C-alpha atoms as a PDB file:
ATOM      1  CA  UNK A   1     -19.470  13.439   7.136  1.00  0.00           C
ATOM      2  CA  UNK A   2     -18.727  16.519   9.208  1.00  0.00           C
ATOM      3  CA  UNK A   3     -16.791  14.418  11.728  1.00  0.00           C
ATOM      4  CA  UNK A   4     -14.002  13.761   9.223  1.00  0.00           C
ATOM      5  CA  UNK A   5     -11.710  16.436   7.867  1.00  0.00           C
ATOM      6  CA  UNK A   6     -11.969  15.841   4.120  1.00  0.00           C
ATOM      7  CA  UNK A   7      -9.095  17.769   2.671  1.00  0.00           C
ATOM      8  CA  UNK A   8      -8.182  17.460  -1.003  1.00  0.00           C
ATOM      9  CA  UNK A   9      -5.157  15.368   0.009  1.00  0.00           C
ATOM     10  CA  UNK A  10      -7.368  12.957   1.966  1.00  0.00           C
ATOM     11  CA  UNK A  11      -9.786  12.630  -0.933  1.00  0.00           C
ATOM     12  CA  UNK A  12      -6.942  11.988  -3.384  1.00  0.00           C
ATOM     13  CA  UNK A  13      -5.466   9.356  -1.052  1.00  0.00           C
ATOM     14  CA  UNK A  14      -8.714   7.419  -0.743  1.00  0.00           C
ATOM     15  CA  UNK A  15      -9.457   7.807  -4.461  1.00  0.00           C
ATOM     16  CA  UNK A  16      -6.033   6.325  -5.276  1.00  0.00           C
ATOM     17  CA  UNK A  17      -6.669   3.385  -2.933  1.00  0.00           C
ATOM     18  CA  UNK A  18     -10.046   2.801  -4.612  1.00  0.00           C
ATOM     19  CA  UNK A  19      -8.530   2.983  -8.091  1.00  0.00           C
ATOM     20  CA  UNK A  20      -5.744   0.590  -7.075  1.00  0.00           C
ATOM     21  CA  UNK A  21      -8.274  -1.894  -5.669  1.00  0.00           C
ATOM     22  CA  UNK A  22     -10.301  -1.681  -8.869  1.00  0.00           C
ATOM     23  CA  UNK A  23      -7.200  -2.220 -10.987  1.00  0.00           C
ATOM     24  CA  UNK A  24      -6.125  -5.186  -8.845  1.00  0.00           C
ATOM     25  CA  UNK A  25      -9.606  -6.709  -9.225  1.00  0.00           C
ATOM     26  CA  UNK A  26      -9.546  -6.297 -13.003  1.00  0.00           C
ATOM     27  CA  UNK A  27      -6.013  -7.733 -13.157  1.00  0.00           C
ATOM     28  CA  UNK A  28      -7.111 -10.743 -11.086  1.00  0.00           C
ATOM     29  CA  UNK A  29     -10.104 -11.362 -13.365  1.00  0.00           C
ATOM     30  CA  UNK A  30      -7.970 -11.138 -16.503  1.00  0.00           C
ATOM     31  CA  UNK A  31      -5.014 -13.087 -15.152  1.00  0.00           C
ATOM     32  CA  UNK A  32      -5.716 -15.199 -12.050  1.00  0.00           C
ATOM     33  CA  UNK A  33      -2.773 -15.458  -9.701  1.00  0.00           C
ATOM     34  CA  UNK A  34      -1.294 -18.397  -7.850  1.00  0.00           C
ATOM     35  CA  UNK A  35       0.201 -18.218  -4.395  1.00  0.00           C
ATOM     36  CA  UNK A  36       3.991 -18.084  -4.467  1.00  0.00           C
ATOM     37  CA  UNK A  37       6.717 -17.839  -1.890  1.00  0.00           C
ATOM     38  CA  UNK A  38       9.198 -14.978  -2.026  1.00  0.00           C
ATOM     39  CA  UNK A  39      11.133 -13.311   0.778  1.00  0.00           C
ATOM     40  CA  UNK A  40       7.976 -13.076   2.899  1.00  0.00           C
ATOM     41  CA  UNK A  41       7.643 -16.041   5.279  1.00  0.00           C
ATOM     42  CA  UNK A  42       4.288 -17.121   3.775  1.00  0.00           C
ATOM     43  CA  UNK A  43       3.007 -17.979   0.323  1.00  0.00           C
ATOM     44  CA  UNK A  44       1.133 -14.946  -0.995  1.00  0.00           C
ATOM     45  CA  UNK A  45      -1.006 -13.904  -3.935  1.00  0.00           C
ATOM     46  CA  UNK A  46      -0.960 -10.500  -5.626  1.00  0.00           C
ATOM     47  CA  UNK A  47      -3.804  -9.297  -3.418  1.00  0.00           C
ATOM     48  CA  UNK A  48      -2.042 -10.504  -0.272  1.00  0.00           C
ATOM     49  CA  UNK A  49       1.121  -8.637  -1.226  1.00  0.00           C
ATOM     50  CA  UNK A  50      -0.882  -5.492  -2.006  1.00  0.00           C
ATOM     51  CA  UNK A  51      -2.589  -5.666   1.401  1.00  0.00           C
ATOM     52  CA  UNK A  52       0.747  -6.247   3.149  1.00  0.00           C
ATOM     53  CA  UNK A  53       2.261  -3.259   1.329  1.00  0.00           C
ATOM     54  CA  UNK A  54      -0.682  -1.018   2.345  1.00  0.00           C
ATOM     55  CA  UNK A  55      -0.359  -2.059   5.984  1.00  0.00           C
ATOM     56  CA  UNK A  56       3.401  -1.608   5.832  1.00  0.00           C
ATOM     57  CA  UNK A  57       2.976   1.890   4.408  1.00  0.00           C
ATOM     58  CA  UNK A  58       0.748   2.838   7.332  1.00  0.00           C
ATOM     59  CA  UNK A  59       3.305   1.542   9.836  1.00  0.00           C
ATOM     60  CA  UNK A  60       6.193   3.223   8.017  1.00  0.00           C
ATOM     61  CA  UNK A  61       4.350   6.548   8.153  1.00  0.00           C
ATOM     62  CA  UNK A  62       3.481   6.138  11.840  1.00  0.00           C
ATOM     63  CA  UNK A  63       7.090   5.262  12.678  1.00  0.00           C
ATOM     64  CA  UNK A  64       8.293   8.245  10.662  1.00  0.00           C
ATOM     65  CA  UNK A  65       5.928  10.587  12.491  1.00  0.00           C
ATOM     66  CA  UNK A  66       7.138   9.193  15.833  1.00  0.00           C
ATOM     67  CA  UNK A  67      10.802   9.617  14.895  1.00  0.00           C
ATOM     68  CA  UNK A  68      10.832  12.847  12.885  1.00  0.00           C
ATOM     69  CA  UNK A  69       8.846  16.026  12.505  1.00  0.00           C
ATOM     70  CA  UNK A  70       7.096  16.567   9.205  1.00  0.00           C
ATOM     71  CA  UNK A  71       8.568  15.799   5.782  1.00  0.00           C
ATOM     72  CA  UNK A  72       6.268  12.894   5.033  1.00  0.00           C
ATOM     73  CA  UNK A  73       7.643  12.852   1.502  1.00  0.00           C
ATOM     74  CA  UNK A  74      10.548  10.776   2.789  1.00  0.00           C
ATOM     75  CA  UNK A  75       8.183   8.286   4.442  1.00  0.00           C
ATOM     76  CA  UNK A  76       6.128   8.151   1.252  1.00  0.00           C
ATOM     77  CA  UNK A  77       9.245   7.421  -0.812  1.00  0.00           C
ATOM     78  CA  UNK A  78      10.263   4.655   1.598  1.00  0.00           C
ATOM     79  CA  UNK A  79       6.737   3.234   1.465  1.00  0.00           C
ATOM     80  CA  UNK A  80       6.659   3.216  -2.343  1.00  0.00           C
ATOM     81  CA  UNK A  81      10.060   1.509  -2.513  1.00  0.00           C
ATOM     82  CA  UNK A  82       8.974  -1.088   0.051  1.00  0.00           C
ATOM     83  CA  UNK A  83       5.678  -1.690  -1.774  1.00  0.00           C
ATOM     84  CA  UNK A  84       7.524  -2.192  -5.058  1.00  0.00           C
ATOM     85  CA  UNK A  85       9.845  -4.718  -3.409  1.00  0.00           C
ATOM     86  CA  UNK A  86       6.947  -6.597  -1.781  1.00  0.00           C
ATOM     87  CA  UNK A  87       4.900  -6.683  -4.963  1.00  0.00           C
ATOM     88  CA  UNK A  88       7.840  -7.804  -7.104  1.00  0.00           C
ATOM     89  CA  UNK A  89       9.792 -10.149  -4.826  1.00  0.00           C
ATOM     90  CA  UNK A  90       7.533 -10.758  -1.811  1.00  0.00           C
END
């Protein structure tokens, strides 16, 4: 694993993604979801909306890095707000 720079922040990020995936799996097993249509142009399940919010967060961060220097806290806040909207109303 010497090719990857494992900083504490990177480890925390991937641990949080793993925990979220585990929680989503447990939630799906306890309460199966049905596809529903929200503001997204397709019918989605909880897992679909979670995946869309993860991809969106990556694109939001890349766009932020292209437009501004540093201060990723702002991009993270935008990503969390967007993810909450997608998960709730998407």
